[in-house]
N, C-alpha and C. Protein backbone atom coordinates (compact mmCIF):
# COMPACT_ATOMS: atom_id res chain seq x y z
N UNK A 1 0.85 -1.17 0.00
CA UNK A 1 0.00 0.00 0.00
C UNK A 1 0.90 1.24 0.00
N UNK A 2 0.63 2.15 -0.94
CA UNK A 2 1.42 3.38 -1.02
C UNK A 2 0.47 4.57 -0.89
N UNK A 3 0.74 5.43 0.09
CA UNK A 3 -0.13 6.57 0.39
C UNK A 3 0.63 7.87 0.23
N UNK A 4 0.02 8.82 -0.47
CA UNK A 4 0.56 10.17 -0.57
C UNK A 4 -0.18 11.05 0.43
N UNK A 5 0.58 11.74 1.29
CA UNK A 5 -0.03 12.70 2.22
C UNK A 5 0.50 14.09 1.89
N UNK A 6 -0.42 15.06 1.84
CA UNK A 6 -0.07 16.40 1.40
C UNK A 6 -0.57 17.42 2.41
N UNK A 7 0.34 18.20 2.98
CA UNK A 7 -0.02 19.25 3.93
C UNK A 7 1.17 20.19 4.06
N UNK A 8 0.90 21.46 4.32
CA UNK A 8 1.99 22.41 4.47
C UNK A 8 2.50 22.50 5.90
N UNK A 9 1.97 21.69 6.80
CA UNK A 9 2.43 21.65 8.19
C UNK A 9 3.19 20.35 8.44
N UNK A 10 4.50 20.46 8.64
CA UNK A 10 5.35 19.28 8.81
C UNK A 10 4.95 18.43 10.02
N UNK A 11 4.59 19.07 11.12
CA UNK A 11 4.19 18.31 12.32
C UNK A 11 2.96 17.45 12.05
N UNK A 12 2.02 17.99 11.29
CA UNK A 12 0.82 17.23 10.96
C UNK A 12 1.18 16.05 10.05
N UNK A 13 2.07 16.27 9.09
CA UNK A 13 2.51 15.17 8.22
C UNK A 13 3.17 14.06 9.03
N UNK A 14 4.01 14.41 9.99
CA UNK A 14 4.66 13.41 10.84
C UNK A 14 3.63 12.61 11.63
N UNK A 15 2.66 13.30 12.21
CA UNK A 15 1.59 12.66 12.98
C UNK A 15 0.78 11.70 12.10
N UNK A 16 0.40 12.17 10.93
CA UNK A 16 -0.39 11.35 10.02
C UNK A 16 0.40 10.14 9.54
N UNK A 17 1.65 10.35 9.16
CA UNK A 17 2.48 9.25 8.69
C UNK A 17 2.66 8.18 9.77
N UNK A 18 2.95 8.59 10.99
CA UNK A 18 3.14 7.63 12.09
C UNK A 18 1.88 6.79 12.29
N UNK A 19 0.72 7.42 12.28
CA UNK A 19 -0.53 6.68 12.49
C UNK A 19 -0.86 5.76 11.32
N UNK A 20 -0.59 6.18 10.11
CA UNK A 20 -0.84 5.31 8.95
C UNK A 20 0.08 4.10 8.97
N UNK A 21 1.36 4.30 9.27
CA UNK A 21 2.31 3.18 9.32
C UNK A 21 1.96 2.17 10.42
N UNK A 22 1.43 2.67 11.54
CA UNK A 22 1.05 1.77 12.64
C UNK A 22 -0.26 1.04 12.36
N UNK A 23 -1.05 1.55 11.44
CA UNK A 23 -2.41 1.02 11.26
C UNK A 23 -2.59 0.14 10.05
N UNK A 24 -1.66 0.18 9.08
CA UNK A 24 -1.79 -0.61 7.87
C UNK A 24 -0.53 -1.44 7.64
N UNK A 25 -0.71 -2.67 7.20
CA UNK A 25 0.43 -3.55 6.91
C UNK A 25 1.15 -3.05 5.66
N UNK A 26 2.47 -3.17 5.68
CA UNK A 26 3.29 -2.82 4.52
C UNK A 26 2.87 -1.50 3.90
N UNK A 27 2.84 -0.49 4.72
CA UNK A 27 2.39 0.84 4.32
C UNK A 27 3.58 1.75 4.02
N UNK A 28 3.68 2.19 2.78
CA UNK A 28 4.70 3.17 2.40
C UNK A 28 4.01 4.53 2.31
N UNK A 29 4.54 5.50 3.01
CA UNK A 29 3.96 6.84 3.03
C UNK A 29 4.94 7.81 2.38
N UNK A 30 4.44 8.58 1.43
CA UNK A 30 5.24 9.60 0.76
C UNK A 30 4.60 10.95 1.07
N UNK A 31 5.44 11.92 1.44
CA UNK A 31 4.96 13.24 1.86
C UNK A 31 5.20 14.30 0.80
N UNK A 32 4.28 15.28 0.76
CA UNK A 32 4.46 16.49 -0.04
C UNK A 32 3.99 17.66 0.79
N UNK A 33 4.66 18.81 0.63
CA UNK A 33 4.31 20.00 1.41
C UNK A 33 3.36 20.95 0.68
N UNK A 34 3.08 20.68 -0.58
CA UNK A 34 2.12 21.51 -1.31
C UNK A 34 1.62 20.76 -2.54
N UNK A 35 0.63 21.34 -3.19
CA UNK A 35 0.01 20.68 -4.33
C UNK A 35 0.94 20.48 -5.51
N UNK A 36 1.84 21.42 -5.74
CA UNK A 36 2.78 21.28 -6.87
C UNK A 36 3.71 20.08 -6.67
N UNK A 37 4.24 19.95 -5.46
CA UNK A 37 5.10 18.80 -5.16
C UNK A 37 4.30 17.50 -5.26
N UNK A 38 3.07 17.52 -4.78
CA UNK A 38 2.21 16.33 -4.85
C UNK A 38 1.93 15.94 -6.30
N UNK A 39 1.69 16.92 -7.15
CA UNK A 39 1.44 16.65 -8.57
C UNK A 39 2.67 16.00 -9.22
N UNK A 40 3.85 16.50 -8.87
CA UNK A 40 5.09 15.91 -9.38
C UNK A 40 5.23 14.46 -8.93
N UNK A 41 4.92 14.20 -7.65
CA UNK A 41 5.01 12.84 -7.12
C UNK A 41 3.99 11.91 -7.79
N UNK A 42 2.84 12.44 -8.14
CA UNK A 42 1.83 11.63 -8.83
C UNK A 42 2.29 11.22 -10.23
N UNK A 43 3.19 11.98 -10.82
CA UNK A 43 3.73 11.61 -12.13
C UNK A 43 4.82 10.55 -12.01
N UNK A 44 5.31 10.31 -10.78
CA UNK A 44 6.41 9.37 -10.56
C UNK A 44 5.99 8.08 -9.85
N UNK A 45 4.81 8.09 -9.20
CA UNK A 45 4.37 6.96 -8.39
C UNK A 45 2.90 6.64 -8.66
N UNK A 46 2.54 5.41 -8.38
CA UNK A 46 1.13 5.01 -8.38
C UNK A 46 0.74 4.80 -6.93
N UNK A 47 -0.30 5.51 -6.49
CA UNK A 47 -0.72 5.48 -5.10
C UNK A 47 -1.99 4.66 -4.91
N UNK A 48 -2.14 4.11 -3.72
CA UNK A 48 -3.35 3.41 -3.31
C UNK A 48 -4.36 4.42 -2.77
N UNK A 49 -3.83 5.48 -2.14
CA UNK A 49 -4.67 6.48 -1.48
C UNK A 49 -3.91 7.81 -1.44
N UNK A 50 -4.67 8.91 -1.60
CA UNK A 50 -4.10 10.25 -1.46
C UNK A 50 -4.87 10.96 -0.35
N UNK A 51 -4.15 11.56 0.59
CA UNK A 51 -4.75 12.34 1.68
C UNK A 51 -4.18 13.75 1.58
N UNK A 52 -5.05 14.74 1.42
CA UNK A 52 -4.55 16.09 1.22
C UNK A 52 -5.31 17.14 2.01
N UNK A 53 -4.56 18.11 2.51
CA UNK A 53 -5.14 19.31 3.08
C UNK A 53 -5.74 20.11 1.92
N UNK A 54 -6.64 21.01 2.23
CA UNK A 54 -7.20 21.86 1.17
C UNK A 54 -6.48 23.20 1.12
N UNK A 55 -6.36 23.86 2.26
CA UNK A 55 -5.74 25.19 2.34
C UNK A 55 -4.23 25.05 2.34
N UNK A 56 -3.60 25.32 1.19
CA UNK A 56 -2.14 25.30 1.09
C UNK A 56 -1.72 26.41 0.14
N UNK A 57 -0.50 26.93 0.33
CA UNK A 57 -0.02 27.97 -0.59
C UNK A 57 0.26 27.39 -1.97
N UNK A 58 0.31 28.26 -2.94
CA UNK A 58 0.66 27.94 -4.32
C UNK A 58 -0.45 27.16 -5.03
N UNK A 59 -0.57 25.88 -4.78
CA UNK A 59 -1.60 25.05 -5.41
C UNK A 59 -2.36 24.34 -4.30
N UNK A 60 -3.62 24.71 -4.08
CA UNK A 60 -4.36 24.13 -2.96
C UNK A 60 -4.81 22.70 -3.27
N UNK A 61 -5.33 22.03 -2.26
CA UNK A 61 -5.71 20.62 -2.39
C UNK A 61 -6.81 20.36 -3.41
N UNK A 62 -7.76 21.29 -3.53
CA UNK A 62 -8.83 21.12 -4.53
C UNK A 62 -8.28 21.19 -5.95
N UNK A 63 -7.45 22.19 -6.21
CA UNK A 63 -6.88 22.32 -7.55
C UNK A 63 -5.96 21.15 -7.87
N UNK A 64 -5.15 20.74 -6.90
CA UNK A 64 -4.29 19.57 -7.07
C UNK A 64 -5.14 18.35 -7.45
N UNK A 65 -6.23 18.14 -6.71
CA UNK A 65 -7.09 16.97 -6.95
C UNK A 65 -7.76 17.03 -8.31
N UNK A 66 -8.20 18.21 -8.71
CA UNK A 66 -8.81 18.36 -10.05
C UNK A 66 -7.80 18.01 -11.14
N UNK A 67 -6.56 18.45 -10.97
CA UNK A 67 -5.52 18.14 -11.96
C UNK A 67 -5.22 16.65 -12.00
N UNK A 68 -5.22 15.99 -10.85
CA UNK A 68 -5.00 14.54 -10.81
C UNK A 68 -6.13 13.82 -11.54
N UNK A 69 -7.37 14.26 -11.32
CA UNK A 69 -8.53 13.63 -11.97
C UNK A 69 -8.55 13.87 -13.48
N UNK A 70 -8.01 14.99 -13.93
CA UNK A 70 -7.99 15.30 -15.36
C UNK A 70 -6.87 14.58 -16.09
N UNK A 71 -5.83 14.20 -15.35
CA UNK A 71 -4.67 13.53 -15.93
C UNK A 71 -5.05 12.12 -16.37
N UNK A 72 -4.35 11.61 -17.35
CA UNK A 72 -4.59 10.24 -17.83
C UNK A 72 -3.71 9.22 -17.12
N UNK A 73 -2.98 9.65 -16.09
CA UNK A 73 -2.04 8.78 -15.38
C UNK A 73 -2.72 7.78 -14.46
N UNK A 74 -1.91 6.97 -13.79
CA UNK A 74 -2.42 5.87 -12.96
C UNK A 74 -3.14 6.32 -11.69
N UNK A 75 -3.03 7.59 -11.30
CA UNK A 75 -3.67 8.06 -10.07
C UNK A 75 -5.02 8.74 -10.32
N UNK A 76 -5.47 8.70 -11.55
CA UNK A 76 -6.70 9.40 -11.94
C UNK A 76 -7.90 8.98 -11.09
N UNK A 77 -8.00 7.71 -10.76
CA UNK A 77 -9.16 7.21 -10.02
C UNK A 77 -8.86 6.84 -8.57
N UNK A 78 -7.66 7.17 -8.11
CA UNK A 78 -7.27 6.83 -6.73
C UNK A 78 -8.17 7.59 -5.75
N UNK A 79 -8.62 6.92 -4.68
CA UNK A 79 -9.41 7.63 -3.67
C UNK A 79 -8.62 8.78 -3.05
N UNK A 80 -9.32 9.89 -2.80
CA UNK A 80 -8.71 11.06 -2.19
C UNK A 80 -9.49 11.42 -0.93
N UNK A 81 -8.76 11.58 0.16
CA UNK A 81 -9.36 12.06 1.41
C UNK A 81 -8.91 13.50 1.61
N UNK A 82 -9.87 14.41 1.66
CA UNK A 82 -9.59 15.81 1.97
C UNK A 82 -9.63 15.98 3.48
N UNK A 83 -8.63 16.65 4.02
CA UNK A 83 -8.54 16.91 5.45
C UNK A 83 -8.47 18.43 5.62
N UNK A 84 -9.48 19.00 6.27
CA UNK A 84 -9.48 20.46 6.39
C UNK A 84 -10.30 20.94 7.57
N UNK A 85 -9.89 22.06 8.12
CA UNK A 85 -10.65 22.73 9.16
C UNK A 85 -11.67 23.69 8.60
N UNK A 86 -11.81 23.73 7.28
CA UNK A 86 -12.73 24.64 6.62
C UNK A 86 -13.84 23.87 5.92
N UNK A 87 -14.46 22.93 6.64
CA UNK A 87 -15.46 22.03 6.06
C UNK A 87 -16.61 22.71 5.38
N UNK A 88 -17.19 23.71 6.00
CA UNK A 88 -18.34 24.38 5.41
C UNK A 88 -17.98 25.10 4.12
N UNK A 89 -16.76 25.60 4.04
CA UNK A 89 -16.34 26.34 2.86
C UNK A 89 -16.03 25.43 1.67
N UNK A 90 -15.54 24.23 1.93
CA UNK A 90 -15.06 23.39 0.85
C UNK A 90 -15.82 22.07 0.67
N UNK A 91 -16.67 21.71 1.61
CA UNK A 91 -17.38 20.44 1.53
C UNK A 91 -18.12 20.24 0.22
N UNK A 92 -18.86 21.24 -0.23
CA UNK A 92 -19.62 21.10 -1.47
C UNK A 92 -18.70 21.02 -2.69
N UNK A 93 -17.57 21.71 -2.65
CA UNK A 93 -16.62 21.66 -3.76
C UNK A 93 -16.01 20.27 -3.90
N UNK A 94 -15.76 19.58 -2.78
CA UNK A 94 -15.17 18.25 -2.85
C UNK A 94 -16.17 17.22 -3.37
N UNK A 95 -17.46 17.49 -3.21
CA UNK A 95 -18.48 16.56 -3.69
C UNK A 95 -18.51 16.48 -5.21
N UNK A 96 -17.97 17.48 -5.89
CA UNK A 96 -17.96 17.49 -7.35
C UNK A 96 -16.90 16.56 -7.93
N UNK A 97 -15.98 16.10 -7.10
CA UNK A 97 -14.93 15.19 -7.55
C UNK A 97 -15.32 13.76 -7.19
N UNK A 98 -15.00 12.82 -8.06
CA UNK A 98 -15.36 11.43 -7.82
C UNK A 98 -14.40 10.76 -6.86
N UNK A 99 -14.92 9.75 -6.16
CA UNK A 99 -14.12 8.90 -5.27
C UNK A 99 -13.36 9.72 -4.23
N UNK A 100 -14.07 10.65 -3.58
CA UNK A 100 -13.45 11.50 -2.57
C UNK A 100 -14.19 11.40 -1.24
N UNK A 101 -13.45 11.70 -0.20
CA UNK A 101 -13.96 11.67 1.18
C UNK A 101 -13.51 12.96 1.85
N UNK A 102 -14.21 13.35 2.91
CA UNK A 102 -13.86 14.59 3.60
C UNK A 102 -13.78 14.33 5.10
N UNK A 103 -12.70 14.79 5.73
CA UNK A 103 -12.50 14.65 7.17
C UNK A 103 -12.15 16.02 7.73
N UNK A 104 -12.81 16.40 8.81
CA UNK A 104 -12.57 17.70 9.45
C UNK A 104 -11.33 17.69 10.32
N UNK A 105 -10.69 18.87 10.40
CA UNK A 105 -9.68 19.14 11.41
C UNK A 105 -10.38 19.92 12.50
N UNK A 106 -10.07 19.76 13.76
CA UNK A 106 -9.01 18.87 14.23
C UNK A 106 -9.37 17.41 13.97
N UNK A 107 -8.37 16.68 13.58
CA UNK A 107 -8.53 15.30 13.14
C UNK A 107 -8.80 14.35 14.30
N UNK A 108 -9.84 13.57 14.16
CA UNK A 108 -10.08 12.45 15.08
C UNK A 108 -9.47 11.23 14.40
N UNK A 109 -8.31 10.81 14.88
CA UNK A 109 -7.49 9.84 14.15
C UNK A 109 -8.21 8.51 13.91
N UNK A 110 -8.97 8.01 14.88
CA UNK A 110 -9.67 6.74 14.69
C UNK A 110 -10.67 6.84 13.55
N UNK A 111 -11.38 7.94 13.47
CA UNK A 111 -12.34 8.16 12.39
C UNK A 111 -11.62 8.26 11.04
N UNK A 112 -10.52 9.01 11.01
CA UNK A 112 -9.74 9.13 9.78
C UNK A 112 -9.24 7.77 9.30
N UNK A 113 -8.72 6.95 10.21
CA UNK A 113 -8.18 5.64 9.82
C UNK A 113 -9.27 4.71 9.30
N UNK A 114 -10.47 4.78 9.88
CA UNK A 114 -11.59 3.99 9.35
C UNK A 114 -11.93 4.41 7.93
N UNK A 115 -11.94 5.71 7.68
CA UNK A 115 -12.23 6.21 6.33
C UNK A 115 -11.11 5.81 5.37
N UNK A 116 -9.87 5.89 5.81
CA UNK A 116 -8.74 5.48 4.97
C UNK A 116 -8.84 4.00 4.61
N UNK A 117 -9.25 3.18 5.56
CA UNK A 117 -9.44 1.75 5.31
C UNK A 117 -10.56 1.51 4.30
N UNK A 118 -11.67 2.19 4.49
CA UNK A 118 -12.81 2.07 3.58
C UNK A 118 -12.42 2.54 2.17
N UNK A 119 -11.76 3.69 2.08
CA UNK A 119 -11.41 4.26 0.79
C UNK A 119 -10.40 3.40 0.02
N UNK A 120 -9.42 2.87 0.74
CA UNK A 120 -8.36 2.11 0.09
C UNK A 120 -8.67 0.63 -0.08
N UNK A 121 -9.60 0.13 0.71
CA UNK A 121 -9.90 -1.30 0.70
C UNK A 121 -8.91 -2.12 1.51
N UNK A 122 -8.01 -1.45 2.22
CA UNK A 122 -7.01 -2.14 3.03
C UNK A 122 -7.51 -2.25 4.48
N UNK A 123 -7.41 -3.43 5.06
CA UNK A 123 -7.87 -3.58 6.45
C UNK A 123 -6.91 -2.93 7.44
N UNK A 124 -7.48 -2.44 8.52
CA UNK A 124 -6.67 -1.92 9.62
C UNK A 124 -6.03 -3.07 10.38
N UNK A 125 -4.86 -2.85 10.94
CA UNK A 125 -4.21 -3.89 11.75
C UNK A 125 -4.92 -4.05 13.09
């Protein structure tokens, strides 16, 4: 299982990565600090799951996700979990994209991991 996590806060990426590695067997986690870096990584890797913040500088999570869905590459249909503290502002926008899920910040890790399991089809340990 290969997961891309995207957020501009390094501490949050560390927290998310640690919990994903502890919760899924043979879990490889790749980090990006913004949408542009994530887009570059999507051209180099095939992911099982993408987890992205929405509010980020340069290229936000919604625009990044739209570009991934428009691309003809292997990540076009990969499940995407949006993680944001701005649920009311972006919830309806995420509904326009296929195979997406939305999780509010502050993150309730058990809830997030259940959604990650459902989205990826990988069982929790």
